[in-house]
C-alpha atoms as a PDB file:
ATOM      1  CA  MET A   1      -0.275   0.054  -0.042  1.00  0.00           C
ATOM      2  CA  THR A   2       1.302   3.576  -0.514  1.00  0.00           C
ATOM      3  CA  GLU A   3       2.005   5.427   2.073  1.00  0.00           C
ATOM      4  CA  SER A   4      -0.394   8.549   2.375  1.00  0.00           C
ATOM      5  CA  MET A   5       1.315  10.583   5.169  1.00  0.00           C
ATOM      6  CA  GLU A   6       3.866  13.187   4.725  1.00  0.00           C
ATOM      7  CA  SER A   7       7.474  11.686   5.127  1.00  0.00           C
ATOM      8  CA  PRO A   8       9.117  13.299   7.972  1.00  0.00           C
ATOM      9  CA  ASN A   9      12.661  13.352   5.852  1.00  0.00           C
ATOM     10  CA  MET A  10      10.983  15.530   3.375  1.00  0.00           C
ATOM     11  CA  SER A  11      12.521  18.795   2.859  1.00  0.00           C
ATOM     12  CA  PRO A  12      10.860  22.221   3.178  1.00  0.00           C
ATOM     13  CA  GLU A  13      11.117  22.765  -0.148  1.00  0.00           C
ATOM     14  CA  SER A  14       9.559  19.814  -1.107  1.00  0.00           C
ATOM     15  CA  ARG A  15       6.266  19.972   1.282  1.00  0.00           C
ATOM     16  CA  PRO A  16       2.892  21.637   0.064  1.00  0.00           C
ATOM     17  CA  SER A  17       2.718  25.035   0.775  1.00  0.00           C
ATOM     18  CA  GLN A  18       0.281  25.466   3.347  1.00  0.00           C
ATOM     19  CA  VAL A  19      -0.737  28.572   5.892  1.00  0.00           C
ATOM     20  CA  LYS A  20      -0.503  27.865   9.492  1.00  0.00           C
ATOM     21  CA  LEU A  21      -3.792  27.954  11.574  1.00  0.00           C
ATOM     22  CA  ASN A  22      -2.970  30.601  13.791  1.00  0.00           C
ATOM     23  CA  GLU A  23      -1.401  32.619  11.258  1.00  0.00           C
ATOM     24  CA  ARG A  24      -4.665  32.363   9.101  1.00  0.00           C
ATOM     25  CA  ILE A  25      -6.322  33.817  12.168  1.00  0.00           C
ATOM     26  CA  ILE A  26      -4.039  36.650  12.786  1.00  0.00           C
ATOM     27  CA  ALA A  27      -4.573  37.540   9.051  1.00  0.00           C
ATOM     28  CA  SER A  28      -8.150  37.555   9.251  1.00  0.00           C
ATOM     29  CA  MET A  29      -7.616  39.882  12.364  1.00  0.00           C
ATOM     30  CA  SER A  30      -5.765  42.261  10.910  1.00  0.00           C
ATOM     31  CA  ARG A  31      -8.212  42.783   8.081  1.00  0.00           C
ATOM     32  CA  ARG A  32     -11.102  45.633   8.679  1.00  0.00           C
ATOM     33  CA  SER A  33     -14.302  43.575   7.968  1.00  0.00           C
ATOM     34  CA  ILE A  34     -17.835  44.721   8.334  1.00  0.00           C
ATOM     35  CA  ALA A  35     -20.927  42.647   8.843  1.00  0.00           C
ATOM     36  CA  ALA A  36     -24.003  43.103   7.397  1.00  0.00           C
ATOM     37  CA  HIS A  37     -26.704  44.579   9.737  1.00  0.00           C
ATOM     38  CA  PRO A  38     -30.328  43.038   8.984  1.00  0.00           C
ATOM     39  CA  TRP A  39     -31.812  46.137   9.842  1.00  0.00           C
ATOM     40  CA  HIS A  40     -30.201  48.600   7.955  1.00  0.00           C
ATOM     41  CA  ASP A  41     -28.114  46.683   5.183  1.00  0.00           C
ATOM     42  CA  LEU A  42     -30.972  44.453   4.093  1.00  0.00           C
ATOM     43  CA  GLU A  43     -33.536  45.961   1.492  1.00  0.00           C
ATOM     44  CA  ILE A  44     -37.027  46.355   2.265  1.00  0.00           C
ATOM     45  CA  GLY A  45     -38.176  45.211  -1.000  1.00  0.00           C
ATOM     46  CA  PRO A  46     -39.208  47.277  -4.133  1.00  0.00           C
ATOM     47  CA  GLU A  47     -43.030  46.714  -3.287  1.00  0.00           C
ATOM     48  CA  ALA A  48     -43.389  47.865   0.025  1.00  0.00           C
ATOM     49  CA  PRO A  49     -45.406  48.807   1.891  1.00  0.00           C
ATOM     50  CA  ILE A  50     -47.305  46.098   0.092  1.00  0.00           C
ATOM     51  CA  ILE A  51     -44.685  43.061   0.000  1.00  0.00           C
ATOM     52  CA  PHE A  52     -41.622  43.579   2.088  1.00  0.00           C
ATOM     53  CA  ASN A  53     -38.727  41.794   3.474  1.00  0.00           C
ATOM     54  CA  CYS A  54     -39.027  40.697   7.411  1.00  0.00           C
ATOM     55  CA  VAL A  55     -36.407  39.343   9.634  1.00  0.00           C
ATOM     56  CA  VAL A  56     -37.785  36.807  12.047  1.00  0.00           C
ATOM     57  CA  GLU A  57     -36.642  36.849  15.666  1.00  0.00           C
ATOM     58  CA  ILE A  58     -38.545  34.407  17.296  1.00  0.00           C
ATOM     59  CA  GLY A  59     -39.848  31.456  15.221  1.00  0.00           C
ATOM     60  CA  LYS A  60     -43.686  30.197  15.411  1.00  0.00           C
ATOM     61  CA  GLY A  61     -44.383  27.918  18.273  1.00  0.00           C
ATOM     62  CA  SER A  62     -41.188  28.964  20.030  1.00  0.00           C
ATOM     63  CA  LYS A  63     -41.191  29.541  23.878  1.00  0.00           C
ATOM     64  CA  VAL A  64     -37.503  31.558  23.821  1.00  0.00           C
ATOM     65  CA  LYS A  65     -37.887  34.646  23.097  1.00  0.00           C
ATOM     66  CA  TYR A  66     -34.871  36.715  20.900  1.00  0.00           C
ATOM     67  CA  GLU A  67     -34.455  40.270  19.588  1.00  0.00           C
ATOM     68  CA  LEU A  68     -32.511  42.115  17.181  1.00  0.00           C
ATOM     69  CA  ASP A  69     -29.701  43.376  19.272  1.00  0.00           C
ATOM     70  CA  LYS A  70     -29.750  47.015  17.720  1.00  0.00           C
ATOM     71  CA  LYS A  71     -26.021  47.725  18.278  1.00  0.00           C
ATOM     72  CA  THR A  72     -24.350  44.652  16.661  1.00  0.00           C
ATOM     73  CA  GLY A  73     -27.147  43.074  14.378  1.00  0.00           C
ATOM     74  CA  LEU A  74     -27.425  40.125  15.572  1.00  0.00           C
ATOM     75  CA  ILE A  75     -30.118  37.517  17.161  1.00  0.00           C
ATOM     76  CA  LYS A  76     -30.268  37.943  20.887  1.00  0.00           C
ATOM     77  CA  HIS A  77     -31.538  35.463  23.446  1.00  0.00           C
ATOM     78  CA  LEU A  78     -33.665  37.996  25.675  1.00  0.00           C
ATOM     79  CA  SER A  79     -35.301  35.384  28.057  1.00  0.00           C
ATOM     80  CA  ALA A  80     -37.027  31.954  28.037  1.00  0.00           C
ATOM     81  CA  PHE A  81     -40.847  31.619  27.666  1.00  0.00           C
ATOM     82  CA  ILE A  82     -41.851  28.866  30.342  1.00  0.00           C
ATOM     83  CA  SER A  83     -45.829  27.702  29.323  1.00  0.00           C
ATOM     84  CA  LEU A  84     -47.741  27.781  32.491  1.00  0.00           C
ATOM     85  CA  ARG A  85     -48.290  24.051  32.034  1.00  0.00           C
ATOM     86  CA  LEU A  86     -45.416  23.176  33.454  1.00  0.00           C
ATOM     87  CA  PHE A  87     -46.975  24.142  36.842  1.00  0.00           C
ATOM     88  CA  HIS A  88     -49.555  22.066  38.632  1.00  0.00           C
ATOM     89  CA  SER A  89     -52.831  24.168  38.026  1.00  0.00           C
ATOM     90  CA  HIS A  90     -53.707  24.622  41.547  1.00  0.00           C
ATOM     91  CA  HIS A  91     -50.086  26.141  42.585  1.00  0.00           C
ATOM     92  CA  ILE A  92     -49.898  28.441  39.761  1.00  0.00           C
ATOM     93  CA  SER A  93     -53.555  29.781  40.450  1.00  0.00           C
ATOM     94  CA  ARG A  94     -52.435  30.037  44.188  1.00  0.00           C
ATOM     95  CA  ASN A  95     -48.858  31.871  43.707  1.00  0.00           C
ATOM     96  CA  LEU A  96     -49.379  33.498  40.103  1.00  0.00           C
ATOM     97  CA  THR A  97     -49.334  37.125  41.941  1.00  0.00           C
ATOM     98  CA  SER A  98     -46.122  36.230  43.516  1.00  0.00           C
ATOM     99  CA  LEU A  99     -44.773  34.552  40.372  1.00  0.00           C
ATOM    100  CA  SER A 100     -45.249  37.731  38.219  1.00  0.00           C
ATOM    101  CA  ALA A 101     -43.318  39.866  41.321  1.00  0.00           C
ATOM    102  CA  SER A 102     -40.322  37.560  40.961  1.00  0.00           C
ATOM    103  CA  PRO A 103     -39.330  36.525  37.397  1.00  0.00           C
ATOM    104  CA  PHE A 104     -37.852  32.669  36.979  1.00  0.00           C
ATOM    105  CA  ILE A 105     -34.040  32.560  36.676  1.00  0.00           C
ATOM    106  CA  CYS A 106     -32.833  30.945  34.135  1.00  0.00           C
ATOM    107  CA  ALA A 107     -28.971  30.749  33.787  1.00  0.00           C
ATOM    108  CA  GLY A 108     -28.584  33.376  36.157  1.00  0.00           C
ATOM    109  CA  ARG A 109     -31.024  35.989  34.586  1.00  0.00           C
ATOM    110  CA  PRO A 110     -34.944  36.834  34.434  1.00  0.00           C
ATOM    111  CA  CYS A 111     -37.138  34.546  32.453  1.00  0.00           C
ATOM    112  CA  THR A 112     -40.100  35.606  30.886  1.00  0.00           C
ATOM    113  CA  LEU A 113     -43.206  33.521  32.224  1.00  0.00           C
ATOM    114  CA  LEU A 114     -45.366  33.502  29.208  1.00  0.00           C
ATOM    115  CA  LEU A 115     -49.284  31.597  28.985  1.00  0.00           C
ATOM    116  CA  SER A 116     -48.380  30.112  25.483  1.00  0.00           C
ATOM    117  CA  SER A 117     -46.000  29.762  22.574  1.00  0.00           C
ATOM    118  CA  VAL A 118     -45.612  32.983  19.982  1.00  0.00           C
ATOM    119  CA  PRO A 119     -48.523  31.713  17.548  1.00  0.00           C
ATOM    120  CA  HIS A 120     -46.952  32.737  14.596  1.00  0.00           C
ATOM    121  CA  ASN A 121     -43.397  33.669  13.098  1.00  0.00           C
ATOM    122  CA  TYR A 122     -42.605  36.960  14.391  1.00  0.00           C
ATOM    123  CA  GLY A 123     -39.632  39.773  13.582  1.00  0.00           C
ATOM    124  CA  PHE A 124     -39.163  43.010  12.168  1.00  0.00           C
ATOM    125  CA  ILE A 125     -38.884  45.239   8.871  1.00  0.00           C
ATOM    126  CA  PRO A 126     -35.514  46.254   7.597  1.00  0.00           C
ATOM    127  CA  ARG A 127     -35.211  49.785   7.066  1.00  0.00           C
ATOM    128  CA  THR A 128     -38.056  51.033   8.871  1.00  0.00           C
ATOM    129  CA  ILE A 129     -38.209  52.932  12.510  1.00  0.00           C
ATOM    130  CA  CYS A 130     -41.184  53.660  14.902  1.00  0.00           C
ATOM    131  CA  GLU A 131     -41.878  56.266  17.494  1.00  0.00           C
ATOM    132  CA  ASP A 132     -40.102  54.101  20.397  1.00  0.00           C
ATOM    133  CA  SER A 133     -36.963  54.260  18.145  1.00  0.00           C
ATOM    134  CA  ASP A 134     -37.128  50.014  17.032  1.00  0.00           C
ATOM    135  CA  PRO A 135     -38.180  48.736  13.646  1.00  0.00           C
ATOM    136  CA  MET A 136     -41.294  48.375  12.877  1.00  0.00           C
ATOM    137  CA  ASP A 137     -42.898  44.568  14.218  1.00  0.00           C
ATOM    138  CA  VAL A 138     -44.409  42.259  12.594  1.00  0.00           C
ATOM    139  CA  LEU A 139     -46.444  39.020  12.596  1.00  0.00           C
ATOM    140  CA  VAL A 140     -46.171  36.791   9.527  1.00  0.00           C
ATOM    141  CA  ILE A 141     -49.054  33.788   9.286  1.00  0.00           C
ATOM    142  CA  MET A 142     -47.300  30.936   7.212  1.00  0.00           C
ATOM    143  CA  GLN A 143     -47.508  27.035   7.621  1.00  0.00           C
ATOM    144  CA  GLU A 144     -43.801  26.391   9.015  1.00  0.00           C
ATOM    145  CA  PRO A 145     -41.847  28.023  11.459  1.00  0.00           C
ATOM    146  CA  VAL A 146     -38.844  30.060  10.471  1.00  0.00           C
ATOM    147  CA  LEU A 147     -35.280  30.183  12.013  1.00  0.00           C
ATOM    148  CA  PRO A 148     -34.675  33.265  13.928  1.00  0.00           C
ATOM    149  CA  GLY A 149     -32.284  35.422  11.906  1.00  0.00           C
ATOM    150  CA  CYS A 150     -33.496  34.289   8.367  1.00  0.00           C
ATOM    151  CA  PHE A 151     -35.597  36.471   5.947  1.00  0.00           C
ATOM    152  CA  LEU A 152     -38.805  35.924   4.194  1.00  0.00           C
ATOM    153  CA  ARG A 153     -41.013  37.890   1.656  1.00  0.00           C
ATOM    154  CA  ALA A 154     -44.068  39.106   3.844  1.00  0.00           C
ATOM    155  CA  LYS A 155     -47.337  40.909   2.363  1.00  0.00           C
ATOM    156  CA  ALA A 156     -49.542  43.043   4.774  1.00  0.00           C
ATOM    157  CA  ILE A 157     -52.812  42.378   5.200  1.00  0.00           C
ATOM    158  CA  GLY A 158     -53.952  44.437   8.502  1.00  0.00           C
ATOM    159  CA  LEU A 159     -52.476  46.464  11.660  1.00  0.00           C
ATOM    160  CA  MET A 160     -53.061  45.432  14.846  1.00  0.00           C
ATOM    161  CA  PRO A 161     -52.963  48.618  17.007  1.00  0.00           C
ATOM    162  CA  MET A 162     -51.627  47.939  20.556  1.00  0.00           C
ATOM    163  CA  ILE A 163     -50.586  49.994  23.497  1.00  0.00           C
ATOM    164  CA  ASP A 164     -47.491  48.529  25.457  1.00  0.00           C
ATOM    165  CA  GLN A 165     -47.410  50.296  29.272  1.00  0.00           C
ATOM    166  CA  GLY A 166     -49.327  53.329  28.006  1.00  0.00           C
ATOM    167  CA  GLU A 167     -46.933  53.397  24.476  1.00  0.00           C
ATOM    168  CA  LYS A 168     -47.833  52.896  20.904  1.00  0.00           C
ATOM    169  CA  ASP A 169     -46.675  49.622  20.007  1.00  0.00           C
ATOM    170  CA  ASP A 170     -48.423  48.483  16.886  1.00  0.00           C
ATOM    171  CA  LYS A 171     -47.677  45.312  15.514  1.00  0.00           C
ATOM    172  CA  ILE A 172     -48.041  44.542  11.498  1.00  0.00           C
ATOM    173  CA  ILE A 173     -50.260  41.546  10.509  1.00  0.00           C
ATOM    174  CA  ALA A 174     -48.864  39.661   7.541  1.00  0.00           C
ATOM    175  CA  VAL A 175     -48.927  36.460   5.649  1.00  0.00           C
ATOM    176  CA  CYS A 176     -46.086  34.752   3.790  1.00  0.00           C
ATOM    177  CA  ALA A 177     -46.093  36.255   0.492  1.00  0.00           C
ATOM    178  CA  ASP A 178     -44.314  32.387  -0.931  1.00  0.00           C
ATOM    179  CA  ASP A 179     -46.398  30.103   1.238  1.00  0.00           C
ATOM    180  CA  PRO A 180     -49.065  28.890  -1.182  1.00  0.00           C
ATOM    181  CA  GLU A 181     -51.650  28.904   1.497  1.00  0.00           C
ATOM    182  CA  TYR A 182     -51.662  31.929   2.636  1.00  0.00           C
ATOM    183  CA  ARG A 183     -50.072  34.035  -0.044  1.00  0.00           C
ATOM    184  CA  HIS A 184     -53.477  34.826  -1.455  1.00  0.00           C
ATOM    185  CA  TYR A 185     -54.992  36.571   1.674  1.00  0.00           C
ATOM    186  CA  THR A 186     -54.868  40.399   0.728  1.00  0.00           C
ATOM    187  CA  ASP A 187     -57.116  41.725   4.080  1.00  0.00           C
ATOM    188  CA  ILE A 188     -57.077  40.763   7.576  1.00  0.00           C
ATOM    189  CA  LYS A 189     -61.185  40.478   7.041  1.00  0.00           C
ATOM    190  CA  GLU A 190     -60.445  37.040   5.468  1.00  0.00           C
ATOM    191  CA  LEU A 191     -58.779  35.256   8.357  1.00  0.00           C
ATOM    192  CA  PRO A 192     -61.042  33.018  10.249  1.00  0.00           C
ATOM    193  CA  PRO A 193     -62.082  34.816  13.639  1.00  0.00           C
ATOM    194  CA  HIS A 194     -60.413  32.367  15.952  1.00  0.00           C
ATOM    195  CA  ARG A 195     -56.959  33.147  14.166  1.00  0.00           C
ATOM    196  CA  LEU A 196     -57.753  36.680  15.011  1.00  0.00           C
ATOM    197  CA  ALA A 197     -58.753  35.686  19.038  1.00  0.00           C
ATOM    198  CA  GLU A 198     -55.449  33.935  19.156  1.00  0.00           C
ATOM    199  CA  ILE A 199     -53.513  36.458  18.219  1.00  0.00           C
ATOM    200  CA  ARG A 200     -55.032  38.953  20.220  1.00  0.00           C
ATOM    201  CA  ARG A 201     -55.109  36.746  23.215  1.00  0.00           C
ATOM    202  CA  PHE A 202     -51.320  36.082  22.910  1.00  0.00           C
ATOM    203  CA  PHE A 203     -50.637  39.879  22.994  1.00  0.00           C
ATOM    204  CA  GLU A 204     -53.045  40.310  25.690  1.00  0.00           C
ATOM    205  CA  ASP A 205     -51.566  37.929  27.867  1.00  0.00           C
ATOM    206  CA  TYR A 206     -47.417  37.733  27.349  1.00  0.00           C
ATOM    207  CA  LYS A 207     -46.658  40.747  29.948  1.00  0.00           C
ATOM    208  CA  LYS A 208     -49.284  39.818  32.508  1.00  0.00           C
ATOM    209  CA  ASN A 209     -46.700  37.959  34.915  1.00  0.00           C
ATOM    210  CA  GLU A 210     -44.888  41.071  34.584  1.00  0.00           C
ATOM    211  CA  ASN A 211     -47.752  43.217  35.895  1.00  0.00           C
ATOM    212  CA  LYS A 212     -47.151  45.133  32.551  1.00  0.00           C
ATOM    213  CA  GLU A 213     -50.932  46.483  31.094  1.00  0.00           C
ATOM    214  CA  VAL A 214     -50.935  45.709  27.350  1.00  0.00           C
ATOM    215  CA  ALA A 215     -54.398  46.847  25.533  1.00  0.00           C
ATOM    216  CA  VAL A 216     -55.365  45.279  22.302  1.00  0.00           C
ATOM    217  CA  ASN A 217     -57.503  47.544  19.780  1.00  0.00           C
ATOM    218  CA  ASP A 218     -59.700  46.544  16.841  1.00  0.00           C
ATOM    219  CA  PHE A 219     -57.479  45.237  13.828  1.00  0.00           C
ATOM    220  CA  LEU A 220     -57.550  47.532  10.715  1.00  0.00           C
ATOM    221  CA  PRO A 221     -57.545  46.388   7.413  1.00  0.00           C
ATOM    222  CA  SER A 222     -54.594  46.348   4.863  1.00  0.00           C
ATOM    223  CA  THR A 223     -54.841  49.821   3.891  1.00  0.00           C
ATOM    224  CA  ASP A 224     -53.904  51.272   7.689  1.00  0.00           C
ATOM    225  CA  ALA A 225     -51.050  48.386   7.148  1.00  0.00           C
ATOM    226  CA  PHE A 226     -49.758  50.325   4.372  1.00  0.00           C
ATOM    227  CA  SER A 227     -49.903  53.444   5.900  1.00  0.00           C
ATOM    228  CA  ALA A 228     -48.384  52.464   8.951  1.00  0.00           C
ATOM    229  CA  ILE A 229     -45.318  50.749   6.920  1.00  0.00           C
ATOM    230  CA  LYS A 230     -45.161  53.668   4.804  1.00  0.00           C
ATOM    231  CA  HIS A 231     -45.139  55.851   7.848  1.00  0.00           C
ATOM    232  CA  SER A 232     -42.169  53.810   9.285  1.00  0.00           C
ATOM    233  CA  MET A 233     -40.058  53.768   6.062  1.00  0.00           C
ATOM    234  CA  ASP A 234     -40.345  57.939   5.969  1.00  0.00           C
ATOM    235  CA  LEU A 235     -39.129  58.050   9.588  1.00  0.00           C
ATOM    236  CA  TYR A 236     -36.140  55.846   8.797  1.00  0.00           C
ATOM    237  CA  ALA A 237     -35.388  58.137   6.384  1.00  0.00           C
ATOM    238  CA  ASN A 238     -35.120  60.894   8.311  1.00  0.00           C
ATOM    239  CA  TYR A 239     -33.448  59.110  11.007  1.00  0.00           C
ATOM    240  CA  ILE A 240     -30.834  58.299   8.441  1.00  0.00           C
ATOM    241  CA  VAL A 241     -30.507  61.797   7.396  1.00  0.00           C
ATOM    242  CA  GLU A 242     -29.880  63.356  10.981  1.00  0.00           C
ATOM    243  CA  SER A 243     -27.584  60.605  11.561  1.00  0.00           C
ATOM    244  CA  LEU A 244     -25.320  61.760   8.557  1.00  0.00           C
ATOM    245  CA  ARG A 245     -25.693  65.331  10.154  1.00  0.00           C
ATOM    246  CA  ARG A 246     -24.517  64.194  13.424  1.00  0.00           C
END
């Protein structure tokens, strides 16, 4: 059998030219590189505000909460969604107040106790900004969960006006523009009533354990969603101009 390993007596001149791993790392670190930021570098798409790109932060059915880290552009683990089903029902009913006052600790950090998992893929629209200095939130209805950090094309079908602790925090309701089961929807009124009830209940309940008040108002049609997205696009353009001036 032919010996496949390099002979220890092979001269340096006859050995294959290879860059050592540590030299490659040092060379890489010495070069300035800029990673793409999903909020600022990903285009919103030519069909916005009707069809637009959406970056997913939390996948459908997830009990783990993620959100965009605005400084780095990475998707950050924020806390754990702990289902109430994990606890005995009478224990919860008897101690819900104390649980709300004292959040659970996961790996040394407070965790969010959520009444249910996220009903649909949840994320943000790139190159938009709202009054709370965050990008526009969007809930995307589709068949399958999507991994955090991925982006997809979404179509706005409605607006869910929401007040979170006294501040406006509206959500765009959308469908995946490339999902054959949902892409034909054009307005939120076409969704089954139980779907809307599910979405409303999730957002009404998900901060109750923190003693934080959330109010969800009546769903609005797709035209209101288009106007809200366009407004957030205009605010983002102004934000960029002001940033350049500074």
